[in-house]
Amino acid sequence: MADVISNQKTYTIWKLEWPDILKGEETDDIARELLKNLRKVDRREISAFTGDIAREIHESIDWSYELQYATAKDGQLIAVWGVQPKRERDKDECGSALIWCLGTDLVRTYAFSFAKESKRILQEWGRRYGVLFNMVGTFNKDAIHWLKWLGAYFDKQGMMVRGGEKFVPFIIRYEEGGK
């Protein structure tokens, strides 16, 4: 069962950690609801990489060390996000972590709260895991705007095309005491 980490008037944020993520029933329900209500832009990003959106959602969830998700007070899923730490060779600590986020159309309704909460969560993950990274579709203007607000650096030299879509890698570095 997920732990409540933020219980606000209009939404709740839940957290699962490894190995509880792998227990199945709860995460299977999350994946099913996310697949059913996935935003068009997230569907487009995933489709560029794989023809199996359901598998990609399940793998993103299952491979996360920590999984968080937000629900509206009526129980509807808003978004799901996770972190996958990457260990450096011959070292015990992590130097970086892949982050990901997939949402439903309710993200727009909760945009201000989502931005505020995500900044707090990513700062915590940055302190814990170091550099945070992934890539984003260049067509995903809302995500790029949000990532810029979070302080992301975009590596335009590393841009790549997958499934006919352009993607740009990004990194987010957080320093002690702030951004």
Protein backbone atom coordinates (compact mmCIF):
# COMPACT_ATOMS: atom_id res chain seq x y z
CA MET A 1 0.00 0.00 0.00
CA ALA A 2 1.31 3.43 -0.94
CA ASP A 3 2.15 5.99 1.73
CA VAL A 4 0.55 9.44 1.64
CA ILE A 5 3.28 12.08 1.39
CA SER A 6 1.13 15.14 0.70
CA ASN A 7 -2.56 15.44 1.46
CA GLN A 8 -3.94 18.74 0.19
CA LYS A 9 -7.51 20.01 -0.12
CA THR A 10 -7.95 18.98 -3.74
CA TYR A 11 -5.33 16.26 -4.33
CA THR A 12 -3.19 13.63 -2.63
CA ILE A 13 0.34 12.48 -3.50
CA TRP A 14 1.17 8.85 -2.84
CA LYS A 15 4.56 7.14 -2.70
CA LEU A 16 5.73 3.57 -3.28
CA GLU A 17 9.34 2.40 -3.00
CA TRP A 18 11.17 -0.62 -4.28
CA PRO A 19 10.49 -3.54 -3.69
CA ASP A 20 6.84 -2.70 -2.92
CA ILE A 21 6.51 -1.34 -6.47
CA LEU A 22 6.93 -4.90 -7.76
CA LYS A 23 4.11 -6.39 -5.67
CA GLY A 24 1.75 -5.78 -8.55
CA GLU A 25 -1.90 -5.16 -7.82
CA GLU A 26 -1.66 -1.49 -6.84
CA THR A 27 0.83 -0.62 -9.58
CA ASP A 28 -1.15 -2.66 -12.13
CA ASP A 29 -4.22 -0.54 -11.32
CA ILE A 30 -2.18 2.66 -11.66
CA ALA A 31 -0.75 1.53 -15.00
CA ARG A 32 -4.20 0.56 -16.31
CA GLU A 33 -5.76 3.89 -15.35
CA LEU A 34 -2.79 5.82 -16.74
CA LEU A 35 -2.96 3.95 -20.06
CA LYS A 36 -6.70 4.63 -20.32
CA ASN A 37 -6.35 8.37 -19.57
CA LEU A 38 -2.83 9.16 -20.83
CA ARG A 39 -2.39 12.66 -22.25
CA LYS A 40 -2.08 12.81 -26.03
CA VAL A 41 1.38 14.38 -25.83
CA ASP A 42 2.69 11.61 -23.54
CA ARG A 43 1.18 8.99 -25.85
CA ARG A 44 3.00 10.68 -28.77
CA GLU A 45 6.35 10.61 -26.93
CA ILE A 46 6.05 6.95 -25.98
CA SER A 47 4.82 5.96 -29.46
CA ALA A 48 7.95 7.45 -31.01
CA PHE A 49 10.08 5.00 -28.98
CA THR A 50 7.92 1.90 -28.90
CA GLY A 51 4.78 0.47 -30.41
CA ASP A 52 3.67 -0.88 -27.03
CA ILE A 53 2.50 1.96 -24.80
CA ALA A 54 1.13 -0.39 -22.12
CA ARG A 55 4.48 -2.20 -21.80
CA GLU A 56 6.38 1.10 -21.60
CA ILE A 57 4.12 2.34 -18.79
CA HIS A 58 4.54 -0.93 -16.86
CA GLU A 59 8.33 -0.92 -17.32
CA SER A 60 8.63 2.72 -16.26
CA ILE A 61 6.73 1.89 -13.08
CA ASP A 62 8.45 -1.45 -12.39
CA TRP A 63 11.98 -0.16 -12.98
CA SER A 64 11.57 2.83 -10.65
CA TYR A 65 13.27 2.84 -7.28
CA GLU A 66 10.67 5.31 -6.07
CA LEU A 67 7.27 5.89 -7.61
CA GLN A 68 4.91 8.73 -6.79
CA TYR A 69 1.48 9.53 -8.11
CA ALA A 70 -1.16 12.15 -7.56
CA THR A 71 -4.90 11.62 -7.35
CA ALA A 72 -7.73 14.12 -7.21
CA LYS A 73 -9.97 13.94 -4.14
CA ASP A 74 -12.46 11.91 -6.20
CA GLY A 75 -9.73 9.30 -6.77
CA GLN A 76 -8.98 10.12 -10.41
CA LEU A 77 -5.34 9.80 -11.40
CA ILE A 78 -3.59 13.09 -12.22
CA ALA A 79 -0.01 11.97 -12.94
CA VAL A 80 2.59 9.31 -12.18
CA TRP A 81 6.36 9.91 -11.91
CA GLY A 82 9.39 7.96 -10.87
CA VAL A 83 13.15 7.91 -10.44
CA GLN A 84 15.62 5.25 -11.56
CA PRO A 85 19.05 5.81 -9.93
CA LYS A 86 22.10 4.91 -12.01
CA ARG A 87 25.06 3.50 -10.09
CA GLU A 88 28.53 4.48 -11.20
CA ARG A 89 30.87 1.61 -11.92
CA ASP A 90 32.89 0.42 -8.94
CA LYS A 91 31.06 2.83 -6.62
CA ASP A 92 28.26 2.34 -4.13
CA GLU A 93 26.71 5.76 -4.54
CA CYS A 94 24.62 7.09 -7.38
CA GLY A 95 25.85 9.95 -9.49
CA SER A 96 22.69 10.40 -11.51
CA ALA A 97 19.13 9.24 -11.94
CA LEU A 98 16.69 8.98 -14.81
CA ILE A 99 13.43 10.75 -14.01
CA TRP A 100 10.12 10.39 -15.82
CA CYS A 101 6.58 11.70 -15.61
CA LEU A 102 3.37 10.72 -17.40
CA GLY A 103 0.07 12.43 -16.89
CA THR A 104 -3.62 12.53 -17.59
CA ASP A 105 -5.48 15.59 -18.85
CA LEU A 106 -6.07 16.52 -15.19
CA VAL A 107 -2.45 17.77 -15.05
CA ARG A 108 -3.66 20.98 -16.68
CA THR A 109 -6.34 21.44 -13.99
CA TYR A 110 -3.73 21.03 -11.24
CA ALA A 111 -0.86 22.77 -13.08
CA PHE A 112 0.10 25.21 -10.30
CA SER A 113 0.03 22.56 -7.56
CA PHE A 114 1.82 20.07 -9.82
CA ALA A 115 4.62 22.55 -10.54
CA LYS A 116 5.07 23.44 -6.86
CA GLU A 117 5.07 19.82 -5.68
CA SER A 118 7.31 18.62 -8.51
CA LYS A 119 9.94 21.23 -7.69
CA ARG A 120 10.04 20.07 -4.08
CA ILE A 121 10.23 16.38 -5.10
CA LEU A 122 12.94 16.92 -7.72
CA GLN A 123 15.04 18.96 -5.29
CA GLU A 124 14.85 16.04 -2.86
CA TRP A 125 15.77 13.54 -5.59
CA GLY A 126 18.59 15.79 -6.78
CA ARG A 127 20.10 15.92 -3.29
CA ARG A 128 19.75 12.15 -2.99
CA TYR A 129 20.84 11.00 -6.47
CA GLY A 130 22.84 13.84 -8.05
CA VAL A 131 22.19 14.82 -11.66
CA LEU A 132 18.65 14.10 -12.88
CA PHE A 133 18.19 13.40 -16.59
CA ASN A 134 15.99 12.19 -19.43
CA MET A 135 14.83 13.51 -22.79
CA VAL A 136 11.71 15.27 -23.97
CA GLY A 137 9.96 15.58 -27.32
CA THR A 138 10.63 19.00 -28.85
CA PHE A 139 6.88 19.16 -29.63
CA ASN A 140 6.04 18.87 -25.90
CA LYS A 141 6.01 22.63 -25.24
CA ASP A 142 4.33 22.42 -21.80
CA ALA A 143 6.93 19.92 -20.54
CA ILE A 144 9.81 22.01 -21.92
CA HIS A 145 8.41 25.14 -20.25
CA TRP A 146 8.03 23.24 -16.95
CA LEU A 147 11.54 21.75 -17.20
CA LYS A 148 13.03 25.21 -17.88
CA TRP A 149 11.24 26.51 -14.78
CA LEU A 150 12.83 23.64 -12.83
CA GLY A 151 16.27 24.73 -14.06
CA ALA A 152 16.86 22.06 -16.70
CA TYR A 153 19.73 22.38 -19.14
CA PHE A 154 18.91 21.15 -22.67
CA ASP A 155 21.68 19.54 -24.72
CA LYS A 156 20.74 20.54 -28.27
CA GLN A 157 23.92 18.83 -29.55
CA GLY A 158 22.52 15.54 -28.28
CA MET A 159 19.21 15.93 -30.09
CA MET A 160 17.95 12.72 -31.69
CA VAL A 161 15.08 11.56 -33.87
CA ARG A 162 13.00 8.53 -32.90
CA GLY A 163 9.90 7.42 -34.76
CA GLY A 164 10.03 10.61 -36.82
CA GLU A 165 9.96 12.82 -33.69
CA LYS A 166 12.78 15.04 -32.36
CA PHE A 167 13.88 14.61 -28.75
CA VAL A 168 16.30 16.71 -26.75
CA PRO A 169 18.18 15.40 -23.68
CA PHE A 170 18.04 17.43 -20.49
CA ILE A 171 19.75 17.44 -17.12
CA ILE A 172 18.81 19.07 -13.84
CA ARG A 173 21.46 19.74 -11.20
CA TYR A 174 20.52 20.76 -7.69
CA GLU A 175 23.06 22.14 -5.30
CA GLU A 176 22.90 22.09 -1.51
CA GLY A 177 20.76 24.91 -0.21
CA GLY A 178 18.62 25.38 -3.29
CA LYS A 179 18.56 25.15 -7.05
